[in-house]
Amino acid sequence: MRLLLTALLCLLAWPVLSAPPPDPMLATPYRGDVAVPDFLVSEKLDGVRARWDGRSLWTRGGARIIAPAAFTRGWPTDPMDGELWIARGRFDEVSAIVRRVRADPQAWRYVRFMAFDLPANPRPFAERVVRMRALIAGTDNPQLAMIPQRRFATAAELDAELARVVAGGGEGLMLHRRSARYRPGRSEDLLKYKPHQDAEAQVVAHLPGRGKYQGMLGALQVRTPEGRRFRIGTGFTDAQRAAPPPLGAWVTYRYTGLTSTGLPRFARFVRLRDDMPPPDPER
């Protein structure tokens, strides 16, 4: 009995590690058949999606993100969904910073958490935006910001905004239904609008290069979640050809439609993924 009591006291004294937040809300592709005024629109940032549970940061896949204490100092206790972001075209840099086991305060000083939702708030999205704006305005920390949300009257205005963002080096737009509640999983209330398609595949082989790429990577042979195999031969830097994504890793690729056999057309490497996302209905 004494041993059992001692064990129980030890368990009670042991620090409780916070668990990752519930699964996030995920977008489906925009297909042009929605009432545009029903949505609030923001830029789709090329950062690392992260979730704040009120105490800690987590990746979309549920891995703990080790950030310097100063980075989250003064943040609200309300859970927030957002992107860890530096600037357009700097995904690889922020991804490397987030993956480090030990936080480097010097590297993190360029990173901002760009909030776009409040997962624990039960109100419609338009009201969550008002609450989010007030929370962040009352936080004296420049590394916490909010992604601007705008409303457009017509599809033509939306298309013009997409063209402007892409011309400036952005990825695309996110449309969030103003009346929608936050619900985990794929949702028709959250749409992504991009001028191209992208998806994920797993690396199964490295194919050797020729000519100027002799002794380097020529192409990746990859396998989709559905088991289809194809090659990705473009989109790599020389550094990536010299040290390609390892076998078994997941990569994001960009493509333009499908061939008659159902394979991605003009597949181009985009980036190495830190974790594998859930199945996407567009695939």
Protein backbone atom coordinates (compact mmCIF):
# COMPACT_ATOMS: atom_id res chain seq x y z
CA MET A 1 0.00 0.00 0.00
CA ARG A 2 2.84 2.36 0.90
CA LEU A 3 4.53 1.66 -2.47
CA LEU A 4 1.26 2.32 -4.31
CA LEU A 5 0.74 5.62 -2.46
CA THR A 6 4.29 6.70 -3.27
CA ALA A 7 3.77 5.88 -6.94
CA LEU A 8 0.55 7.91 -7.04
CA LEU A 9 2.23 10.90 -5.41
CA CYS A 10 5.04 10.73 -7.97
CA LEU A 11 2.53 10.69 -10.81
CA LEU A 12 0.73 13.71 -9.39
CA ALA A 13 4.00 15.58 -9.05
CA TRP A 14 5.11 14.74 -12.61
CA PRO A 15 4.73 17.68 -15.03
CA VAL A 16 1.80 17.36 -17.42
CA LEU A 17 2.79 17.84 -21.05
CA SER A 18 0.22 19.66 -23.13
CA ALA A 19 -1.32 17.63 -25.93
CA PRO A 20 -1.54 18.95 -29.50
CA PRO A 21 -4.72 20.86 -30.33
CA PRO A 22 -7.55 19.16 -32.28
CA ASP A 23 -7.21 18.66 -36.03
CA PRO A 24 -7.29 21.90 -38.01
CA MET A 25 -9.82 23.12 -40.56
CA LEU A 26 -8.56 22.41 -44.10
CA ALA A 27 -9.37 24.03 -47.41
CA THR A 28 -10.90 22.65 -50.59
CA PRO A 29 -10.25 24.10 -54.07
CA TYR A 30 -12.19 27.13 -55.30
CA ARG A 31 -14.14 26.29 -58.46
CA GLY A 32 -15.83 29.58 -59.24
CA ASP A 33 -19.38 28.51 -58.35
CA VAL A 34 -19.78 30.35 -55.04
CA ALA A 35 -21.28 33.70 -54.03
CA VAL A 36 -18.10 35.73 -53.60
CA PRO A 37 -19.64 38.33 -51.19
CA ASP A 38 -20.36 35.50 -48.74
CA PHE A 39 -16.63 35.10 -48.11
CA LEU A 40 -13.78 37.02 -46.53
CA VAL A 41 -10.58 36.79 -48.57
CA SER A 42 -6.93 36.77 -47.52
CA GLU A 43 -3.61 36.01 -49.18
CA LYS A 44 -2.46 32.38 -49.04
CA LEU A 45 0.93 32.75 -47.38
CA ASP A 46 3.81 30.43 -48.21
CA GLY A 47 4.73 29.78 -44.60
CA VAL A 48 4.55 26.92 -42.12
CA ARG A 49 1.07 26.42 -40.74
CA ALA A 50 1.09 26.51 -36.96
CA ARG A 51 -1.41 26.40 -34.13
CA TRP A 52 -1.21 28.17 -30.79
CA ASP A 53 -3.05 26.37 -27.97
CA GLY A 54 -2.70 29.24 -25.51
CA ARG A 55 0.67 28.00 -24.21
CA SER A 56 2.57 26.27 -27.01
CA LEU A 57 2.98 26.20 -30.78
CA TRP A 58 2.24 23.07 -32.83
CA THR A 59 2.58 22.09 -36.48
CA ARG A 60 -0.46 21.08 -38.50
CA GLY A 61 0.55 17.45 -38.02
CA GLY A 62 0.71 17.75 -34.20
CA ALA A 63 4.46 18.17 -33.60
CA ARG A 64 5.63 20.62 -30.96
CA ILE A 65 7.38 23.75 -32.30
CA ILE A 66 10.21 24.99 -30.12
CA ALA A 67 10.22 28.78 -30.31
CA PRO A 68 12.15 31.26 -28.14
CA ALA A 69 10.23 32.46 -25.09
CA ALA A 70 10.36 36.04 -26.36
CA PHE A 71 8.59 35.02 -29.57
CA THR A 72 5.32 34.18 -27.79
CA ARG A 73 5.67 36.61 -24.88
CA GLY A 74 2.38 38.35 -24.14
CA TRP A 75 0.32 36.29 -26.58
CA PRO A 76 -3.36 35.79 -25.71
CA THR A 77 -4.50 32.55 -24.12
CA ASP A 78 -7.11 32.13 -26.88
CA PRO A 79 -6.06 29.32 -29.28
CA MET A 80 -5.05 30.69 -32.69
CA ASP A 81 -4.55 29.17 -36.14
CA GLY A 82 -2.01 30.81 -38.44
CA GLU A 83 1.20 30.74 -40.47
CA LEU A 84 4.78 31.14 -39.33
CA TRP A 85 6.00 33.41 -42.10
CA ILE A 86 8.90 35.63 -43.07
CA ALA A 87 8.08 36.94 -46.55
CA ARG A 88 6.99 35.76 -49.98
CA GLY A 89 9.36 33.21 -51.45
CA ARG A 90 11.10 32.38 -48.16
CA PHE A 91 9.32 29.16 -47.21
CA ASP A 92 12.49 27.06 -47.11
CA GLU A 93 14.07 29.47 -44.65
CA VAL A 94 11.17 29.54 -42.20
CA SER A 95 10.72 25.76 -42.53
CA ALA A 96 14.35 25.19 -41.56
CA ILE A 97 13.98 27.50 -38.55
CA VAL A 98 10.84 25.71 -37.34
CA ARG A 99 12.41 22.25 -37.70
CA ARG A 100 15.34 23.00 -35.41
CA VAL A 101 15.33 21.11 -32.11
CA ARG A 102 16.75 24.11 -30.28
CA ALA A 103 15.34 27.56 -30.93
CA ASP A 104 17.76 30.13 -32.31
CA PRO A 105 16.56 33.58 -31.15
CA GLN A 106 18.60 35.29 -33.87
CA ALA A 107 16.90 33.27 -36.62
CA TRP A 108 13.42 33.64 -35.10
CA ARG A 109 13.63 37.44 -35.00
CA TYR A 110 12.59 37.54 -38.67
CA VAL A 111 9.58 35.22 -38.20
CA ARG A 112 6.02 36.35 -37.52
CA PHE A 113 2.96 34.35 -36.58
CA MET A 114 0.26 35.52 -38.99
CA ALA A 115 -3.04 34.58 -37.36
CA PHE A 116 -6.09 33.83 -39.48
CA ASP A 117 -8.56 32.08 -37.16
CA LEU A 118 -9.60 31.30 -33.59
CA PRO A 119 -10.36 27.54 -33.47
CA ALA A 120 -11.92 27.50 -29.99
CA ASN A 121 -14.26 30.44 -30.64
CA PRO A 122 -17.79 29.18 -31.47
CA ARG A 123 -18.90 32.34 -33.32
CA PRO A 124 -19.18 32.73 -37.13
CA PHE A 125 -15.94 33.56 -38.93
CA ALA A 126 -16.81 37.24 -39.45
CA GLU A 127 -17.20 37.64 -35.69
CA ARG A 128 -14.03 35.64 -35.02
CA VAL A 129 -12.15 38.10 -37.22
CA VAL A 130 -13.36 41.02 -35.07
CA ARG A 131 -12.30 39.19 -31.90
CA MET A 132 -8.94 38.23 -33.42
CA ARG A 133 -8.24 41.82 -34.45
CA ALA A 134 -8.94 43.03 -30.89
CA LEU A 135 -6.78 40.32 -29.31
CA ILE A 136 -3.78 41.09 -31.50
CA ALA A 137 -4.18 44.86 -31.17
CA GLY A 138 -3.94 44.42 -27.40
CA THR A 139 -0.76 42.35 -27.60
CA ASP A 140 2.52 44.25 -27.36
CA ASN A 141 4.52 41.81 -29.50
CA PRO A 142 5.40 42.72 -33.12
CA GLN A 143 5.94 39.07 -34.03
CA LEU A 144 2.22 38.40 -33.68
CA ALA A 145 0.13 39.80 -36.50
CA MET A 146 -3.11 39.09 -38.35
CA ILE A 147 -3.54 38.25 -42.03
CA PRO A 148 -5.72 41.02 -43.51
CA GLN A 149 -9.23 39.88 -44.46
CA ARG A 150 -11.09 41.62 -47.29
CA ARG A 151 -14.49 41.31 -48.92
CA PHE A 152 -15.09 41.40 -52.69
CA ALA A 153 -18.39 41.99 -54.48
CA THR A 154 -17.84 40.00 -57.68
CA ALA A 155 -15.84 37.13 -59.13
CA ALA A 156 -14.12 39.62 -61.44
CA GLU A 157 -12.84 41.59 -58.43
CA LEU A 158 -11.64 38.34 -56.86
CA ASP A 159 -9.80 37.37 -60.06
CA ALA A 160 -8.15 40.78 -60.17
CA GLU A 161 -6.95 40.34 -56.59
CA LEU A 162 -5.54 36.89 -57.42
CA ALA A 163 -3.67 38.35 -60.40
CA ARG A 164 -2.24 41.13 -58.20
CA VAL A 165 -1.05 38.71 -55.50
CA VAL A 166 0.50 36.26 -57.97
CA ALA A 167 2.24 39.07 -59.88
CA GLY A 168 3.84 40.10 -56.60
CA GLY A 169 5.17 36.60 -55.92
CA GLY A 170 2.29 35.31 -53.79
CA GLU A 171 0.78 31.81 -54.00
CA GLY A 172 -2.90 32.66 -54.20
CA LEU A 173 -5.93 33.43 -52.05
CA MET A 174 -7.95 31.89 -49.24
CA LEU A 175 -11.74 32.35 -49.08
CA HIS A 176 -13.48 31.82 -45.75
CA ARG A 177 -17.27 31.81 -45.52
CA ARG A 178 -18.32 34.67 -43.24
CA SER A 179 -21.05 32.62 -41.53
CA ALA A 180 -18.98 29.47 -41.00
CA ARG A 181 -18.09 27.96 -37.63
CA TYR A 182 -14.66 26.43 -37.13
CA ARG A 183 -14.85 22.70 -37.84
CA PRO A 184 -11.83 20.34 -38.10
CA GLY A 185 -11.23 18.55 -41.41
CA ARG A 186 -11.85 19.44 -45.05
CA SER A 187 -14.51 22.09 -45.47
CA GLU A 188 -16.35 23.76 -48.32
CA ASP A 189 -16.45 26.85 -46.09
CA LEU A 190 -12.69 27.34 -46.55
CA LEU A 191 -11.47 27.55 -50.15
CA LYS A 192 -8.03 27.94 -51.73
CA TYR A 193 -7.77 29.81 -55.03
CA LYS A 194 -4.51 29.41 -56.95
CA PRO A 195 -3.53 29.64 -60.62
CA HIS A 196 -2.14 26.11 -60.51
CA GLN A 197 -2.72 22.81 -58.71
CA ASP A 198 -0.42 21.15 -56.23
CA ALA A 199 -0.31 17.86 -54.37
CA GLU A 200 2.01 15.57 -52.43
CA ALA A 201 3.91 12.41 -53.34
CA GLN A 202 6.48 10.17 -51.66
CA VAL A 203 10.03 9.78 -52.98
CA VAL A 204 10.73 6.16 -54.00
CA ALA A 205 13.90 6.54 -56.13
CA HIS A 206 16.61 8.97 -57.22
CA LEU A 207 17.22 8.91 -60.97
CA PRO A 208 20.74 9.99 -62.05
CA GLY A 209 21.34 13.19 -63.98
CA ARG A 210 23.06 13.59 -67.33
CA GLY A 211 25.09 16.31 -68.99
CA LYS A 212 25.55 19.24 -66.62
CA TYR A 213 23.77 17.23 -63.92
CA GLN A 214 26.17 14.26 -64.19
CA GLY A 215 26.72 12.88 -60.69
CA MET A 216 23.68 14.75 -59.37
CA LEU A 217 19.94 14.15 -59.23
CA GLY A 218 18.26 13.99 -62.62
CA ALA A 219 14.71 13.32 -61.42
CA LEU A 220 12.73 11.99 -58.49
CA GLN A 221 10.56 8.96 -58.95
CA VAL A 222 7.59 9.46 -56.66
CA ARG A 223 4.42 7.65 -55.62
CA THR A 224 1.09 9.36 -54.93
CA PRO A 225 -1.06 8.38 -51.91
CA GLU A 226 -3.15 6.40 -54.42
CA GLY A 227 -0.09 4.39 -55.53
CA ARG A 228 0.51 6.04 -58.94
CA ARG A 229 4.18 6.50 -59.90
CA PHE A 230 5.71 9.23 -62.05
CA ARG A 231 8.84 11.38 -62.35
CA ILE A 232 9.55 14.93 -61.25
CA GLY A 233 12.52 16.34 -63.15
CA THR A 234 12.22 20.12 -62.86
CA GLY A 235 11.99 22.76 -60.15
CA PHE A 236 15.18 21.77 -58.29
CA THR A 237 18.04 24.09 -57.42
CA ASP A 238 21.60 22.84 -57.95
CA ALA A 239 21.90 22.45 -54.17
CA GLN A 240 18.78 20.25 -54.12
CA ARG A 241 20.13 18.16 -57.01
CA ALA A 242 23.36 17.65 -55.06
CA ALA A 243 21.47 16.69 -51.87
CA PRO A 244 18.00 15.54 -52.98
CA PRO A 245 15.04 14.77 -50.71
CA PRO A 246 15.68 11.37 -49.08
CA LEU A 247 13.88 8.17 -49.99
CA GLY A 248 10.61 7.95 -48.12
CA ALA A 249 10.25 11.73 -47.79
CA TRP A 250 7.10 13.52 -48.92
CA VAL A 251 7.40 16.39 -51.37
CA THR A 252 4.97 18.96 -52.74
CA TYR A 253 4.81 19.27 -56.53
CA ARG A 254 2.99 21.65 -58.84
CA TYR A 255 1.18 20.53 -61.99
CA THR A 256 -1.23 21.65 -64.69
CA GLY A 257 -4.08 19.17 -65.08
CA LEU A 258 -3.82 15.46 -65.70
CA THR A 259 -2.74 13.38 -68.69
CA SER A 260 -5.06 10.92 -70.44
CA THR A 261 -3.67 8.23 -68.12
CA GLY A 262 -4.46 10.26 -65.00
CA LEU A 263 -0.91 11.34 -64.13
CA PRO A 264 0.02 14.96 -63.25
CA ARG A 265 0.95 17.01 -66.32
CA PHE A 266 4.13 19.14 -66.20
CA ALA A 267 4.94 18.11 -62.62
CA ARG A 268 7.46 20.46 -60.99
CA PHE A 269 9.13 20.15 -57.59
CA VAL A 270 8.10 22.81 -55.07
CA ARG A 271 9.40 21.79 -51.65
CA LEU A 272 10.13 19.06 -49.14
CA ARG A 273 7.27 18.51 -46.71
CA ASP A 274 7.80 18.26 -42.96
CA ASP A 275 4.71 16.09 -42.55
CA MET A 276 2.17 14.43 -44.80
CA PRO A 277 -1.22 16.21 -44.99
CA PRO A 278 -4.53 14.35 -45.02
CA PRO A 279 -6.01 13.22 -48.35
CA ASP A 280 -7.11 16.04 -50.62
CA PRO A 281 -10.43 15.65 -52.49
CA GLU A 282 -9.00 17.33 -55.61
CA ARG A 283 -6.73 14.30 -56.06
